[in-house]
Amino acid sequence: MGAPGQPGYYPQMSGGVRQAVQPGGYPGGYPQAPASAPVNEIHVNVKQKEIFIAVVPKGVEGGASFQTTAPSGRKVTVVAPLGGRQGLEFQVHA
């Protein structure tokens, strides 16, 4: 006879009747909610973080913000690193 939670485990029931139990299950299955029970749905709009390289454009100095495009096509506003100038590449986490 197997151990509780393992295949082949047959718990002793009153009256000496054995019922097969699936691993992690209960004799007769799990109780089901009535069909009329409300369903709580949660919709979450989670933006995937992207890491990419941005390049400081012409006319932007360090500390100034500018818009760039993430690899996904999303427009992102970033701030040029202090001391940055045209052509500087820096990593963006957005």
N, C-alpha and C. Protein backbone atom coordinates (compact mmCIF):
# COMPACT_ATOMS: atom_id res chain seq x y z
N MET A 1 0.85 -1.18 0.00
CA MET A 1 0.00 0.00 0.00
C MET A 1 0.89 1.24 0.00
N GLY A 2 0.56 2.21 -0.85
CA GLY A 2 1.37 3.43 -0.97
C GLY A 2 1.12 4.40 0.17
N ALA A 3 1.90 5.45 0.20
CA ALA A 3 1.79 6.49 1.22
C ALA A 3 0.76 7.53 0.78
N PRO A 4 0.18 8.31 1.73
CA PRO A 4 -0.79 9.35 1.37
C PRO A 4 -0.23 10.28 0.30
N GLY A 5 -1.06 10.59 -0.70
CA GLY A 5 -0.65 11.48 -1.78
C GLY A 5 0.10 10.79 -2.90
N GLN A 6 0.35 9.48 -2.75
CA GLN A 6 1.09 8.73 -3.76
C GLN A 6 0.12 7.81 -4.51
N PRO A 7 0.42 7.51 -5.78
CA PRO A 7 -0.42 6.57 -6.51
C PRO A 7 -0.53 5.25 -5.76
N GLY A 8 -1.72 4.67 -5.79
CA GLY A 8 -1.92 3.39 -5.11
C GLY A 8 -2.29 3.51 -3.65
N TYR A 9 -2.42 4.73 -3.14
CA TYR A 9 -2.82 4.91 -1.74
C TYR A 9 -4.33 4.76 -1.63
N TYR A 10 -4.78 3.86 -0.76
CA TYR A 10 -6.20 3.64 -0.54
C TYR A 10 -6.49 3.87 0.93
N PRO A 11 -7.02 5.05 1.28
CA PRO A 11 -7.28 5.31 2.70
C PRO A 11 -8.41 4.41 3.22
N GLN A 12 -8.33 4.10 4.48
CA GLN A 12 -9.38 3.31 5.11
C GLN A 12 -10.60 4.19 5.36
N MET A 13 -11.73 3.77 4.85
CA MET A 13 -12.97 4.51 5.05
C MET A 13 -13.80 3.75 6.08
N SER A 14 -14.79 4.41 6.69
CA SER A 14 -15.63 3.72 7.66
C SER A 14 -16.33 2.56 6.96
N GLY A 15 -16.48 1.45 7.64
CA GLY A 15 -17.12 0.29 7.07
C GLY A 15 -16.15 -0.58 6.30
N GLY A 16 -14.87 -0.22 6.29
CA GLY A 16 -13.87 -1.04 5.63
C GLY A 16 -13.88 -0.93 4.11
N VAL A 17 -14.62 0.03 3.54
CA VAL A 17 -14.66 0.20 2.09
C VAL A 17 -13.48 1.06 1.67
N ARG A 18 -12.77 0.62 0.65
CA ARG A 18 -11.63 1.39 0.15
C ARG A 18 -12.06 2.13 -1.12
N GLN A 19 -11.61 3.39 -1.21
CA GLN A 19 -11.87 4.18 -2.42
C GLN A 19 -10.53 4.65 -2.97
N ALA A 20 -10.37 4.52 -4.29
CA ALA A 20 -9.14 4.98 -4.91
C ALA A 20 -9.07 6.50 -4.85
N VAL A 21 -7.89 7.01 -4.57
CA VAL A 21 -7.70 8.46 -4.49
C VAL A 21 -6.59 8.84 -5.45
N GLN A 22 -6.86 9.82 -6.31
CA GLN A 22 -5.83 10.33 -7.20
C GLN A 22 -4.86 11.17 -6.39
N PRO A 23 -3.59 11.23 -6.79
CA PRO A 23 -2.63 12.05 -6.05
C PRO A 23 -3.14 13.47 -5.89
N GLY A 24 -3.17 13.94 -4.65
CA GLY A 24 -3.62 15.30 -4.38
C GLY A 24 -5.12 15.46 -4.41
N GLY A 25 -5.87 14.37 -4.57
CA GLY A 25 -7.33 14.48 -4.71
C GLY A 25 -8.08 13.98 -3.49
N TYR A 26 -9.39 13.99 -3.61
CA TYR A 26 -10.27 13.51 -2.56
C TYR A 26 -11.16 12.42 -3.14
N PRO A 27 -11.60 11.46 -2.31
CA PRO A 27 -12.53 10.45 -2.81
C PRO A 27 -13.77 11.14 -3.39
N GLY A 28 -14.14 10.79 -4.58
CA GLY A 28 -15.33 11.39 -5.20
C GLY A 28 -15.03 12.69 -5.91
N GLY A 29 -13.81 13.17 -5.89
CA GLY A 29 -13.47 14.40 -6.59
C GLY A 29 -13.61 15.64 -5.71
N TYR A 30 -13.27 16.77 -6.28
CA TYR A 30 -13.34 18.04 -5.57
C TYR A 30 -14.76 18.60 -5.63
N PRO A 31 -15.22 19.30 -4.60
CA PRO A 31 -16.55 19.91 -4.67
C PRO A 31 -16.58 20.99 -5.75
N GLN A 32 -17.68 21.06 -6.47
CA GLN A 32 -17.84 22.04 -7.54
C GLN A 32 -18.72 23.19 -7.06
N ALA A 33 -18.39 24.40 -7.50
CA ALA A 33 -19.21 25.57 -7.18
C ALA A 33 -20.49 25.48 -8.01
N PRO A 34 -21.61 25.96 -7.48
CA PRO A 34 -22.84 25.95 -8.26
C PRO A 34 -22.68 26.78 -9.53
N ALA A 35 -23.40 26.41 -10.57
CA ALA A 35 -23.31 27.11 -11.86
C ALA A 35 -23.68 28.58 -11.73
N SER A 36 -24.50 28.91 -10.73
CA SER A 36 -24.93 30.30 -10.56
C SER A 36 -23.94 31.12 -9.74
N ALA A 37 -22.87 30.50 -9.25
CA ALA A 37 -21.91 31.22 -8.42
C ALA A 37 -21.22 32.30 -9.25
N PRO A 38 -21.05 33.51 -8.68
CA PRO A 38 -20.39 34.58 -9.43
C PRO A 38 -18.91 34.25 -9.67
N VAL A 39 -18.43 34.71 -10.78
CA VAL A 39 -17.03 34.51 -11.13
C VAL A 39 -16.34 35.86 -11.04
N ASN A 40 -15.30 35.93 -10.23
CA ASN A 40 -14.56 37.17 -10.10
C ASN A 40 -13.42 37.16 -11.10
N GLU A 41 -13.49 38.05 -12.08
CA GLU A 41 -12.45 38.14 -13.07
C GLU A 41 -11.61 39.37 -12.78
N ILE A 42 -10.31 39.21 -12.90
CA ILE A 42 -9.41 40.32 -12.69
C ILE A 42 -8.63 40.52 -13.98
N HIS A 43 -8.76 41.71 -14.53
CA HIS A 43 -8.03 42.04 -15.74
C HIS A 43 -6.90 42.99 -15.36
N VAL A 44 -5.69 42.57 -15.64
CA VAL A 44 -4.53 43.38 -15.29
C VAL A 44 -3.79 43.71 -16.58
N ASN A 45 -3.54 44.99 -16.77
CA ASN A 45 -2.78 45.42 -17.93
C ASN A 45 -1.33 45.62 -17.48
N VAL A 46 -0.52 44.61 -17.70
CA VAL A 46 0.87 44.65 -17.27
C VAL A 46 1.75 44.92 -18.48
N LYS A 47 2.52 45.98 -18.38
CA LYS A 47 3.45 46.30 -19.46
C LYS A 47 4.73 45.51 -19.24
N GLN A 48 5.19 44.88 -20.30
CA GLN A 48 6.43 44.12 -20.24
C GLN A 48 7.60 45.11 -20.22
N LYS A 49 8.50 44.94 -19.25
CA LYS A 49 9.68 45.82 -19.21
C LYS A 49 10.60 45.45 -20.35
N GLU A 50 11.16 46.48 -20.96
CA GLU A 50 12.11 46.27 -22.04
C GLU A 50 13.43 46.92 -21.65
N ILE A 51 14.51 46.30 -22.07
CA ILE A 51 15.85 46.87 -21.88
C ILE A 51 16.43 47.03 -23.28
N PHE A 52 16.83 48.25 -23.60
CA PHE A 52 17.38 48.50 -24.93
C PHE A 52 18.36 49.66 -24.88
N ILE A 53 19.04 49.89 -25.98
CA ILE A 53 20.02 50.97 -26.09
C ILE A 53 19.39 52.16 -26.81
N ALA A 54 19.50 53.34 -26.20
CA ALA A 54 19.03 54.58 -26.83
C ALA A 54 20.26 55.42 -27.18
N VAL A 55 20.10 56.28 -28.16
CA VAL A 55 21.19 57.16 -28.59
C VAL A 55 20.73 58.60 -28.42
N VAL A 56 21.56 59.41 -27.76
CA VAL A 56 21.22 60.83 -27.56
C VAL A 56 21.19 61.49 -28.94
N PRO A 57 20.04 62.09 -29.32
CA PRO A 57 19.93 62.71 -30.64
C PRO A 57 20.59 64.09 -30.70
N LYS A 58 20.75 64.59 -31.89
CA LYS A 58 21.33 65.92 -32.13
C LYS A 58 20.49 66.98 -31.42
N GLY A 59 21.16 67.90 -30.75
CA GLY A 59 20.48 69.00 -30.08
C GLY A 59 20.04 68.71 -28.65
N VAL A 60 20.24 67.49 -28.17
CA VAL A 60 19.86 67.13 -26.80
C VAL A 60 21.12 67.05 -25.94
N GLU A 61 21.09 67.72 -24.79
CA GLU A 61 22.22 67.70 -23.86
C GLU A 61 21.90 66.83 -22.67
N GLY A 62 22.92 66.50 -21.89
CA GLY A 62 22.73 65.69 -20.69
C GLY A 62 21.70 66.28 -19.75
N GLY A 63 20.84 65.45 -19.20
CA GLY A 63 19.79 65.88 -18.27
C GLY A 63 18.49 66.25 -18.96
N ALA A 64 18.50 66.39 -20.30
CA ALA A 64 17.29 66.75 -21.04
C ALA A 64 16.54 65.47 -21.42
N SER A 65 15.22 65.58 -21.51
CA SER A 65 14.43 64.42 -21.90
C SER A 65 14.16 64.46 -23.41
N PHE A 66 13.98 63.27 -23.96
CA PHE A 66 13.63 63.15 -25.38
C PHE A 66 12.85 61.86 -25.57
N GLN A 67 12.17 61.75 -26.69
CA GLN A 67 11.39 60.55 -26.98
C GLN A 67 12.16 59.64 -27.90
N THR A 68 12.06 58.34 -27.60
CA THR A 68 12.68 57.32 -28.44
C THR A 68 11.68 56.18 -28.60
N THR A 69 12.00 55.24 -29.44
CA THR A 69 11.10 54.11 -29.69
C THR A 69 11.74 52.83 -29.19
N ALA A 70 11.00 52.09 -28.36
CA ALA A 70 11.47 50.80 -27.85
C ALA A 70 11.38 49.77 -28.97
N PRO A 71 12.09 48.66 -28.85
CA PRO A 71 12.04 47.62 -29.88
C PRO A 71 10.63 47.13 -30.19
N SER A 72 9.73 47.21 -29.21
CA SER A 72 8.34 46.77 -29.41
C SER A 72 7.53 47.77 -30.22
N GLY A 73 8.12 48.97 -30.45
CA GLY A 73 7.40 50.02 -31.18
C GLY A 73 6.76 51.05 -30.26
N ARG A 74 6.82 50.81 -28.96
CA ARG A 74 6.24 51.73 -27.98
C ARG A 74 7.11 52.98 -27.87
N LYS A 75 6.45 54.17 -27.82
CA LYS A 75 7.17 55.44 -27.63
C LYS A 75 7.50 55.59 -26.15
N VAL A 76 8.76 55.94 -25.87
CA VAL A 76 9.24 56.06 -24.50
C VAL A 76 9.96 57.40 -24.35
N THR A 77 9.64 58.11 -23.25
CA THR A 77 10.36 59.34 -22.94
C THR A 77 11.49 58.99 -21.98
N VAL A 78 12.71 59.38 -22.34
CA VAL A 78 13.88 59.08 -21.52
C VAL A 78 14.64 60.37 -21.24
N VAL A 79 15.54 60.30 -20.28
CA VAL A 79 16.39 61.45 -19.93
C VAL A 79 17.83 61.09 -20.30
N ALA A 80 18.46 61.98 -21.04
CA ALA A 80 19.87 61.77 -21.42
C ALA A 80 20.73 61.83 -20.17
N PRO A 81 21.72 60.95 -20.06
CA PRO A 81 22.60 60.96 -18.88
C PRO A 81 23.31 62.31 -18.75
N LEU A 82 23.56 62.70 -17.49
CA LEU A 82 24.29 63.94 -17.25
C LEU A 82 25.65 63.87 -17.95
N GLY A 83 26.00 64.92 -18.63
CA GLY A 83 27.25 64.94 -19.37
C GLY A 83 27.13 64.32 -20.76
N GLY A 84 25.94 63.81 -21.07
CA GLY A 84 25.73 63.17 -22.37
C GLY A 84 25.62 64.20 -23.49
N ARG A 85 25.96 63.76 -24.70
CA ARG A 85 25.85 64.64 -25.87
C ARG A 85 25.48 63.78 -27.07
N GLN A 86 25.28 64.40 -28.19
CA GLN A 86 24.85 63.72 -29.41
C GLN A 86 25.69 62.47 -29.68
N GLY A 87 24.98 61.36 -29.95
CA GLY A 87 25.65 60.12 -30.31
C GLY A 87 25.95 59.20 -29.15
N LEU A 88 25.81 59.67 -27.89
CA LEU A 88 26.08 58.83 -26.75
C LEU A 88 25.04 57.71 -26.66
N GLU A 89 25.47 56.48 -26.53
CA GLU A 89 24.57 55.35 -26.36
C GLU A 89 24.47 55.04 -24.87
N PHE A 90 23.23 54.77 -24.41
CA PHE A 90 23.04 54.41 -23.02
C PHE A 90 21.88 53.41 -22.91
N GLN A 91 21.91 52.64 -21.83
CA GLN A 91 20.93 51.58 -21.64
C GLN A 91 19.66 52.16 -21.01
N VAL A 92 18.50 51.72 -21.53
CA VAL A 92 17.19 52.18 -21.03
C VAL A 92 16.42 50.98 -20.52
N HIS A 93 15.80 51.13 -19.35
CA HIS A 93 14.91 50.13 -18.77
C HIS A 93 13.52 50.77 -18.75
N ALA A 94 12.67 50.37 -19.66
CA ALA A 94 11.33 50.99 -19.71
C ALA A 94 10.27 49.96 -19.98
